[in-house]
Each structure stands twice: as structure tokens, then as C-alpha cells.
Amino acid sequence: MKRADDFQVRRAHLADLTDEQLEQKFWQLAEQIVDPLIDLARKNTTPSIERAVLLRMGFSSIEAKAIVEGVIDRGLMSKGAGHVVYKVATDKNIDIREAGLALIDGKYWDDAVSLFKGGIK
């Protein structure tokens, strides 16, 4: 079975465009494809993604698991576990590791919740 060559028909709407217009059209279409993916990434996360972020922040896998569980228990998952640790560290003027370990020990969770639920982002 031979495919019918309909290239000229399919490209008719592009035939009169300059190279600059074609490039602009390309990037416009590329944005239409990528925008929903970016939106999904901004609005959704998973425990494994959040643990991976915390691992890159210097926490062990056991520490990361405990922090992520605390974040989930308090409804802060949409904020990101690393972001929660960072905001607590900034608010308490302590280093990130110290903030994470304090959260694991049960400290500062009320502060973390108020930092995000109180309108500070």
C-alpha cells in the first residue's frame, strides 16, 4: 500500500509565510503542547517527587520520608515538602537541615501550617 502524497495540500495554509512567521508559528504551537504539561507539573506532585527533592537538599531517605509524611498529614503537599522546610528555616532563621530535623522531631509544624495557610507563599 502506497501512501498518497498530500504534502502540498497539507502545507497550503503555511505556503505564504516567511521564515520568521514560520518560526513564530512553530513556537506558538510548541507552547500549546507544553503549557498543559507545565500546568500539571505546577499543580501536582507525588510523595516520591517530594522525597527526591528532600534528598537533593541533603536529607537521608528515612528523613525525607518522615518529612513528606508530616507534610501530607498537614495538607501541605501542594506547597512542596522542600518549600515547607525552606520556609520554616527562613522563618526561624535556622539552616535548612536543622529545620528539617526539627520537623521530623515534631517541632514547628504549627508554624509551617500558619506560614502557608496564613497567606504567605
C-alpha atoms as a PDB file:
ATOM      1  CA  MET A   1       0.000   0.000   0.000  1.00  0.00           C
ATOM      2  CA  LYS A   2       1.440   3.294  -1.073  1.00  0.00           C
ATOM      3  CA  ARG A   3       0.704   6.447   0.867  1.00  0.00           C
ATOM      4  CA  ALA A   4      -0.847   9.253  -1.153  1.00  0.00           C
ATOM      5  CA  ASP A   5       1.421  12.279  -1.318  1.00  0.00           C
ATOM      6  CA  ASP A   6      -0.725  15.101   0.049  1.00  0.00           C
ATOM      7  CA  PHE A   7       2.099  17.284   1.343  1.00  0.00           C
ATOM      8  CA  GLN A   8       1.206  20.225  -0.899  1.00  0.00           C
ATOM      9  CA  VAL A   9      -2.408  20.158   0.298  1.00  0.00           C
ATOM     10  CA  ARG A  10      -1.443  19.908   3.975  1.00  0.00           C
ATOM     11  CA  ARG A  11       1.056  22.768   3.746  1.00  0.00           C
ATOM     12  CA  ALA A  12      -1.197  25.152   1.818  1.00  0.00           C
ATOM     13  CA  HIS A  13      -2.020  27.242   4.911  1.00  0.00           C
ATOM     14  CA  LEU A  14       1.717  27.694   5.544  1.00  0.00           C
ATOM     15  CA  ALA A  15       2.899  28.306   1.981  1.00  0.00           C
ATOM     16  CA  ASP A  16       2.751  32.119   2.085  1.00  0.00           C
ATOM     17  CA  LEU A  17       4.504  32.516   5.442  1.00  0.00           C
ATOM     18  CA  THR A  18       8.031  33.903   5.721  1.00  0.00           C
ATOM     19  CA  ASP A  19      10.740  32.070   7.648  1.00  0.00           C
ATOM     20  CA  GLU A  20      10.187  34.387  10.611  1.00  0.00           C
ATOM     21  CA  GLN A  21       6.431  33.770  10.530  1.00  0.00           C
ATOM     22  CA  LEU A  22       7.002  30.011  10.308  1.00  0.00           C
ATOM     23  CA  GLU A  23       9.322  30.137  13.300  1.00  0.00           C
ATOM     24  CA  GLN A  24       6.759  32.169  15.252  1.00  0.00           C
ATOM     25  CA  LYS A  25       4.032  29.663  14.288  1.00  0.00           C
ATOM     26  CA  PHE A  26       6.269  26.791  15.405  1.00  0.00           C
ATOM     27  CA  TRP A  27       6.870  28.311  18.856  1.00  0.00           C
ATOM     28  CA  GLN A  28       3.196  29.167  19.241  1.00  0.00           C
ATOM     29  CA  LEU A  29       2.231  25.551  18.537  1.00  0.00           C
ATOM     30  CA  ALA A  30       5.024  24.251  20.777  1.00  0.00           C
ATOM     31  CA  GLU A  31       3.689  26.385  23.653  1.00  0.00           C
ATOM     32  CA  GLN A  32       0.195  24.977  23.117  1.00  0.00           C
ATOM     33  CA  ILE A  33       1.618  21.489  23.515  1.00  0.00           C
ATOM     34  CA  VAL A  34       3.832  22.217  26.528  1.00  0.00           C
ATOM     35  CA  ASP A  35       1.571  24.582  28.521  1.00  0.00           C
ATOM     36  CA  PRO A  36      -0.720  21.811  29.848  1.00  0.00           C
ATOM     37  CA  LEU A  37       2.339  19.823  30.946  1.00  0.00           C
ATOM     38  CA  ILE A  38       3.759  22.810  32.802  1.00  0.00           C
ATOM     39  CA  ASP A  39       0.378  23.404  34.421  1.00  0.00           C
ATOM     40  CA  LEU A  40       0.246  19.774  35.570  1.00  0.00           C
ATOM     41  CA  ALA A  41       3.751  19.988  36.997  1.00  0.00           C
ATOM     42  CA  ARG A  42       2.927  23.173  38.902  1.00  0.00           C
ATOM     43  CA  LYS A  43      -0.285  21.855  40.392  1.00  0.00           C
ATOM     44  CA  ASN A  44       0.591  18.222  41.068  1.00  0.00           C
ATOM     45  CA  THR A  45       3.279  16.373  42.898  1.00  0.00           C
ATOM     46  CA  THR A  46       3.777  12.976  44.454  1.00  0.00           C
ATOM     47  CA  PRO A  47       5.392  11.757  47.641  1.00  0.00           C
ATOM     48  CA  SER A  48       8.242  10.251  45.636  1.00  0.00           C
ATOM     49  CA  ILE A  49       8.942  13.551  43.878  1.00  0.00           C
ATOM     50  CA  GLU A  50       8.937  15.370  47.205  1.00  0.00           C
ATOM     51  CA  ARG A  51      11.262  12.779  48.750  1.00  0.00           C
ATOM     52  CA  ALA A  52      13.611  13.221  45.778  1.00  0.00           C
ATOM     53  CA  VAL A  53      13.642  16.984  46.345  1.00  0.00           C
ATOM     54  CA  LEU A  54      14.493  16.493  50.004  1.00  0.00           C
ATOM     55  CA  LEU A  55      17.250  14.019  49.123  1.00  0.00           C
ATOM     56  CA  ARG A  56      18.807  16.718  46.948  1.00  0.00           C
ATOM     57  CA  MET A  57      18.535  19.117  49.869  1.00  0.00           C
ATOM     58  CA  GLY A  58      20.765  16.782  51.906  1.00  0.00           C
ATOM     59  CA  PHE A  59      18.294  14.669  53.864  1.00  0.00           C
ATOM     60  CA  SER A  60      18.542  10.876  54.045  1.00  0.00           C
ATOM     61  CA  SER A  61      15.772   8.762  52.561  1.00  0.00           C
ATOM     62  CA  ILE A  62      14.445   7.959  56.039  1.00  0.00           C
ATOM     63  CA  GLU A  63      14.440  11.648  56.988  1.00  0.00           C
ATOM     64  CA  ALA A  64      12.813  12.605  53.692  1.00  0.00           C
ATOM     65  CA  LYS A  65      10.089  10.008  54.195  1.00  0.00           C
ATOM     66  CA  ALA A  66       9.286  11.369  57.663  1.00  0.00           C
ATOM     67  CA  ILE A  67       9.131  14.967  56.438  1.00  0.00           C
ATOM     68  CA  VAL A  68       6.900  14.073  53.479  1.00  0.00           C
ATOM     69  CA  GLU A  69       4.535  12.148  55.759  1.00  0.00           C
ATOM     70  CA  GLY A  70       4.301  15.206  58.021  1.00  0.00           C
ATOM     71  CA  VAL A  71       3.627  17.443  55.029  1.00  0.00           C
ATOM     72  CA  ILE A  72       0.867  15.106  53.814  1.00  0.00           C
ATOM     73  CA  ASP A  73      -0.692  14.822  57.292  1.00  0.00           C
ATOM     74  CA  ARG A  74      -0.992  18.602  57.485  1.00  0.00           C
ATOM     75  CA  GLY A  75      -2.365  19.171  53.997  1.00  0.00           C
ATOM     76  CA  LEU A  76       0.708  20.995  52.718  1.00  0.00           C
ATOM     77  CA  MET A  77       1.607  18.639  49.878  1.00  0.00           C
ATOM     78  CA  SER A  78       0.608  21.163  47.203  1.00  0.00           C
ATOM     79  CA  LYS A  79       3.201  23.554  48.639  1.00  0.00           C
ATOM     80  CA  GLY A  80       6.047  21.059  48.283  1.00  0.00           C
ATOM     81  CA  ALA A  81       7.969  19.415  51.096  1.00  0.00           C
ATOM     82  CA  GLY A  82      11.207  21.200  50.243  1.00  0.00           C
ATOM     83  CA  HIS A  83       9.367  24.504  50.190  1.00  0.00           C
ATOM     84  CA  VAL A  84       7.879  23.785  53.624  1.00  0.00           C
ATOM     85  CA  VAL A  85      11.334  23.042  55.046  1.00  0.00           C
ATOM     86  CA  TYR A  86      12.785  26.130  53.377  1.00  0.00           C
ATOM     87  CA  LYS A  87      10.029  28.435  54.675  1.00  0.00           C
ATOM     88  CA  VAL A  88      10.385  27.097  58.220  1.00  0.00           C
ATOM     89  CA  ALA A  89      14.164  27.585  58.059  1.00  0.00           C
ATOM     90  CA  THR A  90      13.727  31.134  56.792  1.00  0.00           C
ATOM     91  CA  ASP A  91      11.035  31.948  59.353  1.00  0.00           C
ATOM     92  CA  LYS A  92      13.065  30.562  62.267  1.00  0.00           C
ATOM     93  CA  ASN A  93      16.374  31.883  60.922  1.00  0.00           C
ATOM     94  CA  ILE A  94      17.954  28.422  61.076  1.00  0.00           C
ATOM     95  CA  ASP A  95      19.643  26.309  58.460  1.00  0.00           C
ATOM     96  CA  ILE A  96      17.611  24.036  56.189  1.00  0.00           C
ATOM     97  CA  ARG A  97      18.900  20.796  57.669  1.00  0.00           C
ATOM     98  CA  GLU A  98      18.152  21.979  61.192  1.00  0.00           C
ATOM     99  CA  ALA A  99      14.620  22.944  60.152  1.00  0.00           C
ATOM    100  CA  GLY A 100      14.013  19.566  58.536  1.00  0.00           C
ATOM    101  CA  LEU A 101      15.291  17.654  61.544  1.00  0.00           C
ATOM    102  CA  ALA A 102      13.138  19.799  63.838  1.00  0.00           C
ATOM    103  CA  LEU A 103      10.092  18.971  61.714  1.00  0.00           C
ATOM    104  CA  ILE A 104      10.940  15.272  61.985  1.00  0.00           C
ATOM    105  CA  ASP A 105      11.024  15.729  65.774  1.00  0.00           C
ATOM    106  CA  GLY A 106       7.561  17.272  65.661  1.00  0.00           C
ATOM    107  CA  LYS A 107       8.614  20.886  66.115  1.00  0.00           C
ATOM    108  CA  TYR A 108       7.469  23.864  64.019  1.00  0.00           C
ATOM    109  CA  TRP A 109       4.585  22.091  62.264  1.00  0.00           C
ATOM    110  CA  ASP A 110       2.051  24.624  63.559  1.00  0.00           C
ATOM    111  CA  ASP A 111       4.329  27.370  62.277  1.00  0.00           C
ATOM    112  CA  ALA A 112       4.636  25.643  58.896  1.00  0.00           C
ATOM    113  CA  VAL A 113       0.869  25.375  58.576  1.00  0.00           C
ATOM    114  CA  SER A 114       0.363  29.013  59.514  1.00  0.00           C
ATOM    115  CA  LEU A 115       3.069  30.159  57.095  1.00  0.00           C
ATOM    116  CA  PHE A 116       1.188  28.629  54.180  1.00  0.00           C
ATOM    117  CA  LYS A 117      -2.423  28.750  55.307  1.00  0.00           C
ATOM    118  CA  GLY A 118      -1.999  32.301  56.539  1.00  0.00           C
ATOM    119  CA  GLY A 119      -1.437  33.609  53.044  1.00  0.00           C
ATOM    120  CA  ILE A 120       2.361  33.687  52.912  1.00  0.00           C
ATOM    121  CA  LYS A 121       3.630  31.873  49.833  1.00  0.00           C
END
